[in-house]
Amino acid sequence: MLMYVYFLITFFVSSLFVYVFKYKHFLLMLLSLESVVLSLYLVLMVYFSFFLYEYFMCMVFLSLSVCEGVLGLSLLVMIIRSHGSDMVMSFDSLW
């Protein structure tokens, strides 16, 4: 059980590392953000299975993360249609 926790912490930290240092492309930021959400979901599942709680909170978290992913993809499509690429540094209004 402890090995799973170490793996999930490593997965979470590496996802945050990619999110912080790959800020040039919006798609890479969204993918790393989804991997952060996935690692948090897996931590919740391990925690609730360890203490024999109900999994209702995991379903709420999963549905909110799906909504977050859909919102990110719709923003990506809007940015690509308006600017032509997903390069964050090419946006004049942000930097």
N, C-alpha and C. Protein backbone atom coordinates (compact mmCIF):
# COMPACT_ATOMS: atom_id res chain seq x y z
N MET A 1 0.82 -1.19 0.00
CA MET A 1 0.00 0.00 0.00
C MET A 1 0.87 1.26 0.00
N LEU A 2 1.96 1.21 0.70
CA LEU A 2 2.84 2.37 0.76
C LEU A 2 3.50 2.64 -0.58
N MET A 3 3.73 1.61 -1.36
CA MET A 3 4.32 1.78 -2.67
C MET A 3 3.37 2.55 -3.59
N TYR A 4 2.05 2.30 -3.49
CA TYR A 4 1.07 3.04 -4.28
C TYR A 4 1.07 4.52 -3.92
N VAL A 5 1.20 4.81 -2.65
CA VAL A 5 1.21 6.21 -2.21
C VAL A 5 2.45 6.92 -2.75
N TYR A 6 3.60 6.29 -2.71
CA TYR A 6 4.81 6.89 -3.25
C TYR A 6 4.71 7.11 -4.75
N PHE A 7 4.12 6.14 -5.43
CA PHE A 7 3.92 6.29 -6.88
C PHE A 7 3.00 7.46 -7.18
N LEU A 8 1.92 7.59 -6.43
CA LEU A 8 0.96 8.67 -6.69
C LEU A 8 1.54 10.04 -6.35
N ILE A 9 2.36 10.11 -5.31
CA ILE A 9 3.01 11.38 -4.98
C ILE A 9 4.01 11.76 -6.07
N THR A 10 4.74 10.79 -6.57
CA THR A 10 5.68 11.04 -7.66
C THR A 10 4.95 11.48 -8.92
N PHE A 11 3.82 10.84 -9.20
CA PHE A 11 3.00 11.20 -10.37
C PHE A 11 2.47 12.63 -10.23
N PHE A 12 2.04 13.00 -9.04
CA PHE A 12 1.52 14.34 -8.80
C PHE A 12 2.62 15.40 -8.94
N VAL A 13 3.77 15.15 -8.35
CA VAL A 13 4.86 16.12 -8.40
C VAL A 13 5.40 16.26 -9.82
N SER A 14 5.52 15.17 -10.54
CA SER A 14 6.00 15.27 -11.92
C SER A 14 5.00 15.98 -12.82
N SER A 15 3.73 15.80 -12.56
CA SER A 15 2.70 16.52 -13.33
C SER A 15 2.75 18.01 -13.04
N LEU A 16 2.96 18.37 -11.79
CA LEU A 16 3.10 19.79 -11.46
C LEU A 16 4.37 20.37 -12.07
N PHE A 17 5.42 19.60 -12.11
CA PHE A 17 6.67 20.05 -12.73
C PHE A 17 6.47 20.35 -14.21
N VAL A 18 5.77 19.47 -14.90
CA VAL A 18 5.50 19.69 -16.33
C VAL A 18 4.58 20.90 -16.50
N TYR A 19 3.60 21.06 -15.62
CA TYR A 19 2.68 22.19 -15.72
C TYR A 19 3.42 23.52 -15.53
N VAL A 20 4.37 23.57 -14.64
CA VAL A 20 5.08 24.82 -14.37
C VAL A 20 6.10 25.14 -15.47
N PHE A 21 6.80 24.15 -15.97
CA PHE A 21 7.89 24.42 -16.89
C PHE A 21 7.55 24.29 -18.37
N LYS A 22 6.38 23.83 -18.71
CA LYS A 22 5.96 23.74 -20.12
C LYS A 22 4.79 24.69 -20.36
N TYR A 23 5.02 25.97 -20.10
CA TYR A 23 3.95 26.95 -20.20
C TYR A 23 3.85 27.58 -21.59
N LYS A 24 4.64 27.14 -22.54
CA LYS A 24 4.61 27.78 -23.85
C LYS A 24 3.42 27.32 -24.69
N HIS A 25 3.01 26.08 -24.56
CA HIS A 25 1.88 25.57 -25.33
C HIS A 25 0.71 25.32 -24.40
N PHE A 26 -0.45 25.80 -24.81
CA PHE A 26 -1.65 25.67 -24.00
C PHE A 26 -2.11 24.22 -23.91
N LEU A 27 -1.91 23.44 -24.96
CA LEU A 27 -2.31 22.03 -24.95
C LEU A 27 -1.48 21.22 -23.95
N LEU A 28 -0.19 21.48 -23.85
CA LEU A 28 0.65 20.78 -22.87
C LEU A 28 0.25 21.15 -21.44
N MET A 29 -0.15 22.40 -21.25
CA MET A 29 -0.61 22.81 -19.94
C MET A 29 -1.90 22.08 -19.57
N LEU A 30 -2.81 21.94 -20.52
CA LEU A 30 -4.06 21.23 -20.25
C LEU A 30 -3.82 19.75 -19.97
N LEU A 31 -2.92 19.14 -20.71
CA LEU A 31 -2.63 17.71 -20.49
C LEU A 31 -1.98 17.48 -19.12
N SER A 32 -1.08 18.34 -18.73
CA SER A 32 -0.47 18.16 -17.42
C SER A 32 -1.46 18.47 -16.31
N LEU A 33 -2.36 19.41 -16.52
CA LEU A 33 -3.39 19.68 -15.53
C LEU A 33 -4.34 18.49 -15.38
N GLU A 34 -4.64 17.81 -16.47
CA GLU A 34 -5.47 16.61 -16.39
C GLU A 34 -4.74 15.48 -15.68
N SER A 35 -3.44 15.38 -15.85
CA SER A 35 -2.71 14.35 -15.12
C SER A 35 -2.64 14.66 -13.62
N VAL A 36 -2.61 15.95 -13.26
CA VAL A 36 -2.70 16.33 -11.84
C VAL A 36 -4.05 15.91 -11.27
N VAL A 37 -5.11 16.16 -12.02
CA VAL A 37 -6.45 15.79 -11.57
C VAL A 37 -6.57 14.27 -11.46
N LEU A 38 -6.00 13.55 -12.40
CA LEU A 38 -6.03 12.09 -12.35
C LEU A 38 -5.28 11.55 -11.15
N SER A 39 -4.13 12.14 -10.84
CA SER A 39 -3.39 11.68 -9.66
C SER A 39 -4.15 11.99 -8.38
N LEU A 40 -4.81 13.14 -8.30
CA LEU A 40 -5.62 13.44 -7.12
C LEU A 40 -6.80 12.49 -7.00
N TYR A 41 -7.39 12.12 -8.13
CA TYR A 41 -8.49 11.15 -8.11
C TYR A 41 -8.01 9.79 -7.59
N LEU A 42 -6.85 9.37 -8.04
CA LEU A 42 -6.32 8.09 -7.58
C LEU A 42 -5.96 8.14 -6.09
N VAL A 43 -5.46 9.27 -5.63
CA VAL A 43 -5.19 9.43 -4.19
C VAL A 43 -6.49 9.32 -3.40
N LEU A 44 -7.55 9.94 -3.89
CA LEU A 44 -8.85 9.83 -3.22
C LEU A 44 -9.34 8.38 -3.18
N MET A 45 -9.17 7.67 -4.27
CA MET A 45 -9.62 6.28 -4.32
C MET A 45 -8.82 5.42 -3.33
N VAL A 46 -7.53 5.63 -3.26
CA VAL A 46 -6.71 4.86 -2.32
C VAL A 46 -7.08 5.21 -0.89
N TYR A 47 -7.30 6.48 -0.62
CA TYR A 47 -7.66 6.92 0.72
C TYR A 47 -9.01 6.34 1.15
N PHE A 48 -10.00 6.41 0.27
CA PHE A 48 -11.32 5.91 0.63
C PHE A 48 -11.36 4.38 0.71
N SER A 49 -10.55 3.70 -0.08
CA SER A 49 -10.53 2.24 0.02
C SER A 49 -9.77 1.80 1.27
N PHE A 50 -8.79 2.60 1.70
CA PHE A 50 -8.03 2.25 2.90
C PHE A 50 -8.87 2.38 4.16
N PHE A 51 -9.71 3.40 4.23
CA PHE A 51 -10.53 3.63 5.41
C PHE A 51 -11.97 3.14 5.27
N LEU A 52 -12.28 2.46 4.17
CA LEU A 52 -13.59 1.85 3.92
C LEU A 52 -14.73 2.87 3.96
N TYR A 53 -14.49 4.03 3.35
CA TYR A 53 -15.53 5.03 3.22
C TYR A 53 -16.32 4.79 1.94
N GLU A 54 -17.37 5.59 1.78
CA GLU A 54 -18.14 5.51 0.54
C GLU A 54 -17.40 6.25 -0.57
N TYR A 55 -17.69 5.90 -1.81
CA TYR A 55 -17.01 6.46 -2.95
C TYR A 55 -17.81 7.57 -3.62
N PHE A 56 -18.81 8.12 -2.94
CA PHE A 56 -19.63 9.17 -3.54
C PHE A 56 -18.82 10.43 -3.82
N MET A 57 -17.94 10.78 -2.92
CA MET A 57 -17.11 11.98 -3.11
C MET A 57 -16.20 11.82 -4.33
N CYS A 58 -15.75 10.62 -4.60
CA CYS A 58 -14.92 10.39 -5.78
C CYS A 58 -15.71 10.62 -7.06
N MET A 59 -16.98 10.24 -7.05
CA MET A 59 -17.81 10.47 -8.24
C MET A 59 -18.08 11.97 -8.45
N VAL A 60 -18.25 12.71 -7.38
CA VAL A 60 -18.42 14.16 -7.49
C VAL A 60 -17.14 14.79 -8.04
N PHE A 61 -16.00 14.37 -7.51
CA PHE A 61 -14.72 14.89 -7.99
C PHE A 61 -14.50 14.54 -9.45
N LEU A 62 -14.86 13.33 -9.86
CA LEU A 62 -14.69 12.91 -11.23
C LEU A 62 -15.58 13.72 -12.17
N SER A 63 -16.82 13.98 -11.77
CA SER A 63 -17.70 14.76 -12.63
C SER A 63 -17.23 16.21 -12.74
N LEU A 64 -16.71 16.79 -11.66
CA LEU A 64 -16.17 18.15 -11.73
C LEU A 64 -14.90 18.21 -12.57
N SER A 65 -14.09 17.17 -12.53
CA SER A 65 -12.88 17.16 -13.35
C SER A 65 -13.22 17.01 -14.83
N VAL A 66 -14.29 16.29 -15.14
CA VAL A 66 -14.72 16.19 -16.54
C VAL A 66 -15.20 17.55 -17.03
N CYS A 67 -15.94 18.27 -16.19
CA CYS A 67 -16.37 19.62 -16.55
C CYS A 67 -15.19 20.55 -16.76
N GLU A 68 -14.17 20.41 -15.94
CA GLU A 68 -12.96 21.22 -16.08
C GLU A 68 -12.23 20.89 -17.38
N GLY A 69 -12.19 19.63 -17.73
CA GLY A 69 -11.54 19.23 -18.98
C GLY A 69 -12.27 19.74 -20.21
N VAL A 70 -13.59 19.69 -20.18
CA VAL A 70 -14.38 20.20 -21.30
C VAL A 70 -14.21 21.71 -21.44
N LEU A 71 -14.18 22.41 -20.34
CA LEU A 71 -13.97 23.86 -20.38
C LEU A 71 -12.59 24.19 -20.95
N GLY A 72 -11.57 23.44 -20.56
CA GLY A 72 -10.23 23.66 -21.09
C GLY A 72 -10.14 23.40 -22.58
N LEU A 73 -10.80 22.33 -23.05
CA LEU A 73 -10.77 22.04 -24.48
C LEU A 73 -11.53 23.09 -25.28
N SER A 74 -12.64 23.60 -24.73
CA SER A 74 -13.37 24.65 -25.45
C SER A 74 -12.55 25.94 -25.50
N LEU A 75 -11.82 26.25 -24.44
CA LEU A 75 -10.92 27.41 -24.50
C LEU A 75 -9.80 27.20 -25.50
N LEU A 76 -9.29 25.98 -25.59
CA LEU A 76 -8.24 25.68 -26.56
C LEU A 76 -8.74 25.88 -27.99
N VAL A 77 -9.95 25.41 -28.27
CA VAL A 77 -10.52 25.57 -29.62
C VAL A 77 -10.74 27.05 -29.92
N MET A 78 -11.23 27.81 -28.94
CA MET A 78 -11.45 29.23 -29.14
C MET A 78 -10.14 29.97 -29.39
N ILE A 79 -9.09 29.61 -28.66
CA ILE A 79 -7.79 30.27 -28.84
C ILE A 79 -7.19 29.92 -30.20
N ILE A 80 -7.31 28.67 -30.62
CA ILE A 80 -6.75 28.28 -31.91
C ILE A 80 -7.50 28.95 -33.05
N ARG A 81 -8.82 29.08 -32.93
CA ARG A 81 -9.58 29.76 -33.99
C ARG A 81 -9.28 31.24 -34.06
N SER A 82 -9.04 31.87 -32.93
CA SER A 82 -8.82 33.32 -32.96
C SER A 82 -7.37 33.69 -33.24
N HIS A 83 -6.40 32.93 -32.73
CA HIS A 83 -4.99 33.29 -32.88
C HIS A 83 -4.22 32.41 -33.86
N GLY A 84 -4.74 31.26 -34.19
CA GLY A 84 -4.07 30.41 -35.16
C GLY A 84 -3.14 29.37 -34.58
N SER A 85 -2.77 29.47 -33.32
CA SER A 85 -1.92 28.47 -32.68
C SER A 85 -2.19 28.48 -31.19
N ASP A 86 -1.60 27.53 -30.49
CA ASP A 86 -1.80 27.45 -29.04
C ASP A 86 -0.58 27.95 -28.27
N MET A 87 0.27 28.71 -28.92
CA MET A 87 1.43 29.29 -28.25
C MET A 87 0.97 30.40 -27.30
N VAL A 88 1.24 30.23 -26.03
CA VAL A 88 0.80 31.19 -25.03
C VAL A 88 1.56 32.50 -25.16
N MET A 89 2.81 32.44 -25.55
CA MET A 89 3.62 33.65 -25.64
C MET A 89 3.21 34.53 -26.82
N SER A 90 2.40 34.03 -27.75
CA SER A 90 2.00 34.84 -28.91
C SER A 90 0.74 35.67 -28.64
N PHE A 91 0.15 35.53 -27.47
CA PHE A 91 -1.05 36.31 -27.14
C PHE A 91 -0.61 37.71 -26.72
N ASP A 92 -1.09 38.71 -27.40
CA ASP A 92 -0.70 40.08 -27.07
C ASP A 92 -1.36 40.58 -25.79
N SER A 93 -2.55 40.12 -25.52
CA SER A 93 -3.29 40.66 -24.38
C SER A 93 -2.87 40.04 -23.04
N LEU A 94 -2.14 38.93 -23.06
CA LEU A 94 -1.78 38.27 -21.82
C LEU A 94 -0.43 38.69 -21.28
N TRP A 95 0.54 39.03 -22.14
CA TRP A 95 1.89 39.30 -21.64
C TRP A 95 2.30 40.70 -21.98
